[in-house]
Amino acid sequence: MPPVDTARYIGAGVRVLLEDGRVLDGTLTVIDPFGNLLLNDVWETSADKLNPSLTHRRDIGLVSVPRATVRQVGVTPATYAQIHPPSA
């Protein structure tokens, strides 16, 4: 698999799954030289600790996400198609 050109994703809406199960939805603002992410306009979704069938969602704004806490990063199909248009 070729390396990902991360600069193309700056400004894109992303979903970040963290190691502890929380999900962050926001706009990718910066990836520092160590792979840490800075997200803006972030909404956090997490499971209720007492009743895992319930979820909590809160607006947390600007967030720095340490690389070691990231399990997965994804974009919507529409965002991916915009960044990587199909070849003619």
N, C-alpha and C. Protein backbone atom coordinates (compact mmCIF):
# COMPACT_ATOMS: atom_id res chain seq x y z
N MET A 1 0.84 -1.17 0.00
CA MET A 1 0.00 0.00 0.00
C MET A 1 0.90 1.24 0.00
N PRO A 2 0.65 2.18 -0.92
CA PRO A 2 1.48 3.39 -0.96
C PRO A 2 1.20 4.29 0.24
N PRO A 3 2.16 5.14 0.61
CA PRO A 3 1.94 6.05 1.74
C PRO A 3 0.80 7.03 1.44
N VAL A 4 0.11 7.44 2.48
CA VAL A 4 -1.01 8.37 2.34
C VAL A 4 -0.48 9.80 2.36
N ASP A 5 -0.95 10.61 1.42
CA ASP A 5 -0.59 12.04 1.38
C ASP A 5 -1.52 12.76 2.36
N THR A 6 -1.10 12.83 3.61
CA THR A 6 -1.96 13.37 4.67
C THR A 6 -2.32 14.83 4.46
N ALA A 7 -1.50 15.59 3.77
CA ALA A 7 -1.79 17.01 3.54
C ALA A 7 -3.10 17.20 2.78
N ARG A 8 -3.48 16.23 1.98
CA ARG A 8 -4.73 16.34 1.21
C ARG A 8 -5.96 16.26 2.11
N TYR A 9 -5.79 15.75 3.31
CA TYR A 9 -6.93 15.58 4.21
C TYR A 9 -7.10 16.75 5.18
N ILE A 10 -6.17 17.70 5.19
CA ILE A 10 -6.31 18.86 6.06
C ILE A 10 -7.56 19.63 5.63
N GLY A 11 -8.43 19.93 6.58
CA GLY A 11 -9.69 20.61 6.29
C GLY A 11 -10.85 19.67 6.04
N ALA A 12 -10.57 18.37 5.99
CA ALA A 12 -11.62 17.38 5.72
C ALA A 12 -12.29 16.95 7.02
N GLY A 13 -13.54 16.57 6.90
CA GLY A 13 -14.24 15.98 8.03
C GLY A 13 -13.74 14.57 8.25
N VAL A 14 -13.40 14.24 9.49
CA VAL A 14 -12.88 12.91 9.81
C VAL A 14 -13.61 12.33 11.01
N ARG A 15 -13.53 11.02 11.11
CA ARG A 15 -14.01 10.30 12.29
C ARG A 15 -12.82 9.54 12.84
N VAL A 16 -12.52 9.77 14.13
CA VAL A 16 -11.37 9.14 14.78
C VAL A 16 -11.88 8.21 15.87
N LEU A 17 -11.53 6.94 15.78
CA LEU A 17 -11.86 5.96 16.81
C LEU A 17 -10.66 5.87 17.74
N LEU A 18 -10.90 6.08 19.04
CA LEU A 18 -9.83 6.05 20.02
C LEU A 18 -9.72 4.68 20.67
N GLU A 19 -8.57 4.38 21.24
CA GLU A 19 -8.32 3.09 21.89
C GLU A 19 -9.32 2.79 23.01
N ASP A 20 -9.83 3.82 23.68
CA ASP A 20 -10.77 3.60 24.79
C ASP A 20 -12.22 3.48 24.32
N GLY A 21 -12.46 3.48 23.00
CA GLY A 21 -13.80 3.29 22.47
C GLY A 21 -14.54 4.57 22.12
N ARG A 22 -14.03 5.72 22.54
CA ARG A 22 -14.69 6.98 22.17
C ARG A 22 -14.50 7.25 20.68
N VAL A 23 -15.45 8.01 20.12
CA VAL A 23 -15.39 8.39 18.72
C VAL A 23 -15.42 9.91 18.64
N LEU A 24 -14.50 10.48 17.86
CA LEU A 24 -14.43 11.92 17.66
C LEU A 24 -14.76 12.23 16.21
N ASP A 25 -15.74 13.10 15.98
CA ASP A 25 -16.10 13.57 14.64
C ASP A 25 -15.76 15.04 14.57
N GLY A 26 -14.92 15.43 13.61
CA GLY A 26 -14.54 16.84 13.50
C GLY A 26 -13.76 17.10 12.22
N THR A 27 -13.18 18.28 12.16
CA THR A 27 -12.41 18.72 11.00
C THR A 27 -10.92 18.60 11.30
N LEU A 28 -10.20 17.88 10.45
CA LEU A 28 -8.76 17.72 10.63
C LEU A 28 -8.08 19.05 10.33
N THR A 29 -7.36 19.58 11.32
CA THR A 29 -6.71 20.88 11.19
C THR A 29 -5.21 20.74 10.99
N VAL A 30 -4.57 19.88 11.77
CA VAL A 30 -3.11 19.72 11.72
C VAL A 30 -2.74 18.28 12.06
N ILE A 31 -1.69 17.79 11.41
CA ILE A 31 -1.01 16.57 11.83
C ILE A 31 0.42 16.99 12.11
N ASP A 32 0.85 16.86 13.36
CA ASP A 32 2.21 17.32 13.69
C ASP A 32 3.25 16.28 13.24
N PRO A 33 4.53 16.59 13.34
CA PRO A 33 5.57 15.66 12.87
C PRO A 33 5.59 14.32 13.60
N PHE A 34 4.92 14.24 14.75
CA PHE A 34 4.89 13.00 15.53
C PHE A 34 3.62 12.20 15.28
N GLY A 35 2.73 12.69 14.42
CA GLY A 35 1.50 11.98 14.11
C GLY A 35 0.33 12.32 15.01
N ASN A 36 0.49 13.29 15.90
CA ASN A 36 -0.62 13.74 16.73
C ASN A 36 -1.57 14.56 15.87
N LEU A 37 -2.86 14.48 16.16
CA LEU A 37 -3.87 15.18 15.37
C LEU A 37 -4.42 16.37 16.13
N LEU A 38 -4.77 17.42 15.40
CA LEU A 38 -5.51 18.53 15.96
C LEU A 38 -6.81 18.61 15.17
N LEU A 39 -7.93 18.47 15.89
CA LEU A 39 -9.25 18.50 15.28
C LEU A 39 -10.02 19.70 15.78
N ASN A 40 -10.87 20.27 14.92
CA ASN A 40 -11.70 21.40 15.29
C ASN A 40 -13.17 21.03 15.11
N ASP A 41 -14.05 21.75 15.80
CA ASP A 41 -15.50 21.51 15.73
C ASP A 41 -15.82 20.04 16.04
N VAL A 42 -15.27 19.54 17.13
CA VAL A 42 -15.35 18.12 17.46
C VAL A 42 -16.57 17.79 18.30
N TRP A 43 -17.21 16.69 17.92
CA TRP A 43 -18.26 16.06 18.73
C TRP A 43 -17.71 14.72 19.18
N GLU A 44 -17.83 14.46 20.48
CA GLU A 44 -17.36 13.19 21.06
C GLU A 44 -18.56 12.31 21.36
N THR A 45 -18.48 11.05 20.97
CA THR A 45 -19.51 10.06 21.28
C THR A 45 -18.86 8.97 22.11
N SER A 46 -19.50 8.62 23.23
CA SER A 46 -18.95 7.57 24.09
C SER A 46 -20.09 6.77 24.71
N ALA A 47 -19.76 5.54 25.09
CA ALA A 47 -20.74 4.67 25.74
C ALA A 47 -20.89 5.08 27.20
N ASP A 48 -22.09 4.92 27.71
CA ASP A 48 -22.35 5.15 29.14
C ASP A 48 -21.65 4.05 29.92
N LYS A 49 -20.91 4.40 30.96
CA LYS A 49 -20.15 3.40 31.71
C LYS A 49 -21.04 2.51 32.57
N LEU A 50 -22.20 3.01 32.98
CA LEU A 50 -23.10 2.21 33.80
C LEU A 50 -24.09 1.40 32.96
N ASN A 51 -24.43 1.92 31.79
CA ASN A 51 -25.37 1.24 30.90
C ASN A 51 -24.82 1.32 29.47
N PRO A 52 -24.02 0.34 29.05
CA PRO A 52 -23.36 0.40 27.74
C PRO A 52 -24.31 0.49 26.54
N SER A 53 -25.60 0.24 26.75
CA SER A 53 -26.54 0.37 25.63
C SER A 53 -26.87 1.83 25.35
N LEU A 54 -26.49 2.74 26.25
CA LEU A 54 -26.71 4.17 26.06
C LEU A 54 -25.41 4.84 25.61
N THR A 55 -25.55 5.91 24.83
CA THR A 55 -24.38 6.68 24.42
C THR A 55 -24.54 8.14 24.82
N HIS A 56 -23.42 8.79 24.98
CA HIS A 56 -23.39 10.22 25.28
C HIS A 56 -22.72 10.93 24.11
N ARG A 57 -23.22 12.10 23.78
CA ARG A 57 -22.63 12.90 22.70
C ARG A 57 -22.48 14.33 23.21
N ARG A 58 -21.28 14.89 23.04
CA ARG A 58 -21.06 16.26 23.51
C ARG A 58 -20.14 17.01 22.56
N ASP A 59 -20.35 18.31 22.49
CA ASP A 59 -19.54 19.21 21.67
C ASP A 59 -18.32 19.60 22.49
N ILE A 60 -17.12 19.26 22.00
CA ILE A 60 -15.91 19.58 22.77
C ILE A 60 -14.97 20.53 22.03
N GLY A 61 -15.38 21.02 20.85
CA GLY A 61 -14.62 22.07 20.17
C GLY A 61 -13.28 21.64 19.60
N LEU A 62 -12.21 22.29 20.04
CA LEU A 62 -10.85 22.04 19.54
C LEU A 62 -10.17 20.98 20.42
N VAL A 63 -9.62 19.94 19.77
CA VAL A 63 -9.05 18.82 20.53
C VAL A 63 -7.71 18.40 19.93
N SER A 64 -6.74 18.17 20.80
CA SER A 64 -5.47 17.56 20.42
C SER A 64 -5.57 16.07 20.74
N VAL A 65 -5.28 15.24 19.74
CA VAL A 65 -5.41 13.79 19.90
C VAL A 65 -4.03 13.16 19.79
N PRO A 66 -3.49 12.62 20.89
CA PRO A 66 -2.18 11.97 20.82
C PRO A 66 -2.21 10.74 19.91
N ARG A 67 -1.17 10.57 19.13
CA ARG A 67 -1.09 9.45 18.18
C ARG A 67 -1.31 8.10 18.87
N ALA A 68 -0.76 7.94 20.06
CA ALA A 68 -0.85 6.66 20.76
C ALA A 68 -2.28 6.28 21.13
N THR A 69 -3.21 7.23 21.12
CA THR A 69 -4.60 6.93 21.50
C THR A 69 -5.48 6.62 20.30
N VAL A 70 -4.96 6.78 19.08
CA VAL A 70 -5.76 6.62 17.86
C VAL A 70 -5.75 5.16 17.41
N ARG A 71 -6.93 4.60 17.25
CA ARG A 71 -7.06 3.24 16.70
C ARG A 71 -7.32 3.29 15.20
N GLN A 72 -8.17 4.23 14.75
CA GLN A 72 -8.54 4.29 13.34
C GLN A 72 -8.98 5.71 12.98
N VAL A 73 -8.67 6.12 11.75
CA VAL A 73 -9.12 7.42 11.22
C VAL A 73 -9.81 7.15 9.90
N GLY A 74 -10.98 7.75 9.71
CA GLY A 74 -11.70 7.56 8.46
C GLY A 74 -12.35 8.85 7.99
N VAL A 75 -12.74 8.86 6.72
CA VAL A 75 -13.48 9.97 6.14
C VAL A 75 -14.74 9.40 5.49
N THR A 76 -15.71 10.27 5.22
CA THR A 76 -16.93 9.82 4.55
C THR A 76 -16.61 9.48 3.10
N PRO A 77 -17.43 8.63 2.47
CA PRO A 77 -17.21 8.34 1.05
C PRO A 77 -17.23 9.60 0.19
N ALA A 78 -18.08 10.57 0.51
CA ALA A 78 -18.15 11.81 -0.27
C ALA A 78 -16.84 12.59 -0.14
N THR A 79 -16.30 12.66 1.07
CA THR A 79 -15.02 13.36 1.27
C THR A 79 -13.91 12.64 0.52
N TYR A 80 -13.88 11.33 0.59
CA TYR A 80 -12.85 10.56 -0.11
C TYR A 80 -12.93 10.79 -1.62
N ALA A 81 -14.15 10.78 -2.17
CA ALA A 81 -14.33 11.00 -3.61
C ALA A 81 -13.89 12.40 -4.02
N GLN A 82 -14.09 13.37 -3.14
CA GLN A 82 -13.67 14.74 -3.45
C GLN A 82 -12.14 14.85 -3.46
N ILE A 83 -11.50 14.17 -2.52
CA ILE A 83 -10.04 14.22 -2.43
C ILE A 83 -9.38 13.36 -3.51
N HIS A 84 -10.00 12.23 -3.83
CA HIS A 84 -9.47 11.30 -4.83
C HIS A 84 -10.51 11.08 -5.93
N PRO A 85 -10.69 12.05 -6.83
CA PRO A 85 -11.70 11.88 -7.88
C PRO A 85 -11.37 10.68 -8.76
N PRO A 86 -12.41 9.97 -9.23
CA PRO A 86 -12.16 8.81 -10.09
C PRO A 86 -11.45 9.22 -11.38
N SER A 87 -10.56 8.36 -11.83
CA SER A 87 -9.84 8.63 -13.09
C SER A 87 -10.77 8.44 -14.26
N ALA A 88 -10.62 9.28 -15.26
CA ALA A 88 -11.48 9.19 -16.45
C ALA A 88 -10.92 8.19 -17.43
